[in-house]
Amino acid sequence: MTAFDFPAKLLELERSAWAALQAGTLTADQAGAVQAGVTAFAAEAGVDRYEVEMGLKRAVRHPEAAEG
């Protein structure tokens, strides 16, 4: 899988959504903001949105795996 250089804003959106999901407080607006960011990043980079989403989740949820 391709490694991406995610902008800080997109990483923060995913971190916030992940924390909210774990706490049971994730809102549709939060999830939608992450998806909009993923879609925009993928379009700008010219890559598959699914790969971007999986890379972003890996970077936030499993940073040790993303590094190695």
N, C-alpha and C. Protein backbone atom coordinates (compact mmCIF):
# COMPACT_ATOMS: atom_id res chain seq x y z
N MET A 1 0.84 -1.18 0.00
CA MET A 1 0.00 0.00 0.00
C MET A 1 0.88 1.24 0.00
N THR A 2 0.44 2.25 -0.67
CA THR A 2 1.19 3.49 -0.79
C THR A 2 1.16 4.29 0.50
N ALA A 3 2.30 4.86 0.84
CA ALA A 3 2.37 5.76 2.00
C ALA A 3 2.03 7.17 1.53
N PHE A 4 1.26 7.87 2.30
CA PHE A 4 0.82 9.22 1.94
C PHE A 4 1.37 10.21 2.96
N ASP A 5 1.58 11.42 2.50
CA ASP A 5 1.97 12.52 3.36
C ASP A 5 0.70 13.33 3.64
N PHE A 6 -0.05 12.91 4.65
CA PHE A 6 -1.34 13.53 4.94
C PHE A 6 -1.15 14.91 5.56
N PRO A 7 -2.01 15.86 5.18
CA PRO A 7 -1.96 17.17 5.83
C PRO A 7 -2.41 17.05 7.29
N ALA A 8 -1.87 17.92 8.13
CA ALA A 8 -2.17 17.89 9.56
C ALA A 8 -3.67 17.98 9.83
N LYS A 9 -4.39 18.78 9.06
CA LYS A 9 -5.83 18.94 9.28
C LYS A 9 -6.57 17.62 9.07
N LEU A 10 -6.20 16.88 8.04
CA LEU A 10 -6.86 15.60 7.78
C LEU A 10 -6.53 14.58 8.87
N LEU A 11 -5.29 14.57 9.31
CA LEU A 11 -4.92 13.67 10.41
C LEU A 11 -5.70 14.02 11.67
N GLU A 12 -5.84 15.30 11.97
CA GLU A 12 -6.57 15.70 13.16
C GLU A 12 -8.06 15.34 13.06
N LEU A 13 -8.64 15.49 11.88
CA LEU A 13 -10.04 15.09 11.69
C LEU A 13 -10.22 13.60 11.99
N GLU A 14 -9.30 12.79 11.47
CA GLU A 14 -9.39 11.34 11.69
C GLU A 14 -9.14 11.00 13.15
N ARG A 15 -8.17 11.65 13.78
CA ARG A 15 -7.91 11.39 15.21
C ARG A 15 -9.14 11.71 16.06
N SER A 16 -9.75 12.84 15.77
CA SER A 16 -10.93 13.25 16.51
C SER A 16 -12.09 12.28 16.29
N ALA A 17 -12.28 11.87 15.04
CA ALA A 17 -13.36 10.92 14.74
C ALA A 17 -13.10 9.57 15.39
N TRP A 18 -11.85 9.12 15.37
CA TRP A 18 -11.50 7.84 15.99
C TRP A 18 -11.75 7.88 17.50
N ALA A 19 -11.35 8.97 18.14
CA ALA A 19 -11.59 9.11 19.58
C ALA A 19 -13.09 9.13 19.87
N ALA A 20 -13.85 9.84 19.05
CA ALA A 20 -15.30 9.90 19.25
C ALA A 20 -15.94 8.53 19.01
N LEU A 21 -15.46 7.80 18.02
CA LEU A 21 -15.99 6.46 17.76
C LEU A 21 -15.75 5.55 18.96
N GLN A 22 -14.55 5.61 19.51
CA GLN A 22 -14.24 4.79 20.67
C GLN A 22 -15.07 5.18 21.89
N ALA A 23 -15.40 6.46 22.00
CA ALA A 23 -16.20 6.94 23.13
C ALA A 23 -17.70 6.77 22.89
N GLY A 24 -18.06 6.38 21.68
CA GLY A 24 -19.48 6.22 21.35
C GLY A 24 -20.18 7.54 21.09
N THR A 25 -19.42 8.55 20.69
CA THR A 25 -20.01 9.88 20.48
C THR A 25 -19.81 10.40 19.06
N LEU A 26 -19.38 9.55 18.14
CA LEU A 26 -19.16 9.99 16.77
C LEU A 26 -20.46 10.48 16.15
N THR A 27 -20.39 11.64 15.52
CA THR A 27 -21.57 12.20 14.85
C THR A 27 -21.44 12.03 13.34
N ALA A 28 -22.57 12.14 12.67
CA ALA A 28 -22.57 12.07 11.21
C ALA A 28 -21.75 13.22 10.63
N ASP A 29 -21.79 14.37 11.26
CA ASP A 29 -21.01 15.52 10.78
C ASP A 29 -19.51 15.24 10.85
N GLN A 30 -19.07 14.62 11.94
CA GLN A 30 -17.65 14.28 12.08
C GLN A 30 -17.24 13.27 11.01
N ALA A 31 -18.03 12.23 10.85
CA ALA A 31 -17.73 11.21 9.86
C ALA A 31 -17.74 11.81 8.45
N GLY A 32 -18.69 12.67 8.20
CA GLY A 32 -18.78 13.32 6.90
C GLY A 32 -17.60 14.22 6.61
N ALA A 33 -17.10 14.91 7.62
CA ALA A 33 -15.94 15.78 7.46
C ALA A 33 -14.70 14.96 7.09
N VAL A 34 -14.54 13.81 7.73
CA VAL A 34 -13.41 12.95 7.40
C VAL A 34 -13.55 12.45 5.97
N GLN A 35 -14.73 11.99 5.61
CA GLN A 35 -14.93 11.48 4.25
C GLN A 35 -14.71 12.56 3.20
N ALA A 36 -15.16 13.77 3.47
CA ALA A 36 -14.94 14.87 2.53
C ALA A 36 -13.45 15.16 2.39
N GLY A 37 -12.73 15.12 3.49
CA GLY A 37 -11.29 15.33 3.45
C GLY A 37 -10.56 14.24 2.69
N VAL A 38 -10.97 13.01 2.92
CA VAL A 38 -10.38 11.87 2.21
C VAL A 38 -10.63 11.99 0.72
N THR A 39 -11.86 12.30 0.36
CA THR A 39 -12.23 12.42 -1.05
C THR A 39 -11.45 13.53 -1.73
N ALA A 40 -11.34 14.68 -1.07
CA ALA A 40 -10.60 15.81 -1.64
C ALA A 40 -9.12 15.47 -1.78
N PHE A 41 -8.54 14.86 -0.76
CA PHE A 41 -7.12 14.48 -0.82
C PHE A 41 -6.88 13.50 -1.95
N ALA A 42 -7.74 12.50 -2.08
CA ALA A 42 -7.58 11.50 -3.14
C ALA A 42 -7.69 12.13 -4.52
N ALA A 43 -8.65 13.02 -4.70
CA ALA A 43 -8.82 13.69 -5.99
C ALA A 43 -7.60 14.54 -6.32
N GLU A 44 -7.11 15.27 -5.33
CA GLU A 44 -5.95 16.14 -5.54
C GLU A 44 -4.69 15.33 -5.86
N ALA A 45 -4.54 14.20 -5.19
CA ALA A 45 -3.36 13.35 -5.39
C ALA A 45 -3.50 12.42 -6.60
N GLY A 46 -4.73 12.29 -7.12
CA GLY A 46 -4.96 11.41 -8.25
C GLY A 46 -4.84 9.94 -7.91
N VAL A 47 -5.28 9.60 -6.70
CA VAL A 47 -5.22 8.22 -6.24
C VAL A 47 -6.60 7.74 -5.80
N ASP A 48 -6.70 6.45 -5.60
CA ASP A 48 -7.96 5.85 -5.19
C ASP A 48 -8.37 6.28 -3.79
N ARG A 49 -9.61 6.71 -3.62
CA ARG A 49 -10.11 7.17 -2.33
C ARG A 49 -10.02 6.06 -1.28
N TYR A 50 -10.28 4.84 -1.67
CA TYR A 50 -10.21 3.72 -0.74
C TYR A 50 -8.80 3.58 -0.16
N GLU A 51 -7.77 3.70 -1.02
CA GLU A 51 -6.39 3.60 -0.54
C GLU A 51 -6.06 4.73 0.43
N VAL A 52 -6.55 5.92 0.12
CA VAL A 52 -6.32 7.06 1.02
C VAL A 52 -6.99 6.80 2.36
N GLU A 53 -8.23 6.35 2.35
CA GLU A 53 -8.95 6.09 3.59
C GLU A 53 -8.24 5.04 4.44
N MET A 54 -7.82 3.95 3.81
CA MET A 54 -7.13 2.89 4.55
C MET A 54 -5.79 3.39 5.09
N GLY A 55 -5.06 4.17 4.29
CA GLY A 55 -3.79 4.72 4.75
C GLY A 55 -3.97 5.68 5.91
N LEU A 56 -5.01 6.49 5.86
CA LEU A 56 -5.29 7.44 6.93
C LEU A 56 -5.65 6.70 8.22
N LYS A 57 -6.50 5.72 8.11
CA LYS A 57 -6.87 4.94 9.30
C LYS A 57 -5.65 4.24 9.89
N ARG A 58 -4.80 3.69 9.03
CA ARG A 58 -3.60 3.02 9.52
C ARG A 58 -2.69 4.03 10.22
N ALA A 59 -2.52 5.21 9.64
CA ALA A 59 -1.64 6.22 10.23
C ALA A 59 -2.13 6.67 11.60
N VAL A 60 -3.44 6.72 11.79
CA VAL A 60 -4.00 7.19 13.06
C VAL A 60 -4.17 6.05 14.06
N ARG A 61 -4.69 4.93 13.60
CA ARG A 61 -5.02 3.84 14.52
C ARG A 61 -3.85 2.91 14.81
N HIS A 62 -2.91 2.82 13.88
CA HIS A 62 -1.77 1.92 14.02
C HIS A 62 -0.50 2.61 13.53
N PRO A 63 -0.10 3.69 14.19
CA PRO A 63 1.05 4.46 13.68
C PRO A 63 2.35 3.65 13.60
N GLU A 64 2.50 2.66 14.45
CA GLU A 64 3.71 1.84 14.41
C GLU A 64 3.78 1.04 13.12
N ALA A 65 2.65 0.61 12.58
CA ALA A 65 2.61 -0.13 11.32
C ALA A 65 2.85 0.80 10.14
N ALA A 66 2.38 2.02 10.23
CA ALA A 66 2.54 2.99 9.15
C ALA A 66 4.00 3.41 9.00
N GLU A 67 4.75 3.39 10.09
CA GLU A 67 6.15 3.79 10.06
C GLU A 67 7.04 2.72 9.43
N GLY A 68 6.69 1.46 9.66
CA GLY A 68 7.57 0.40 9.22
C GLY A 68 7.10 -0.25 8.01
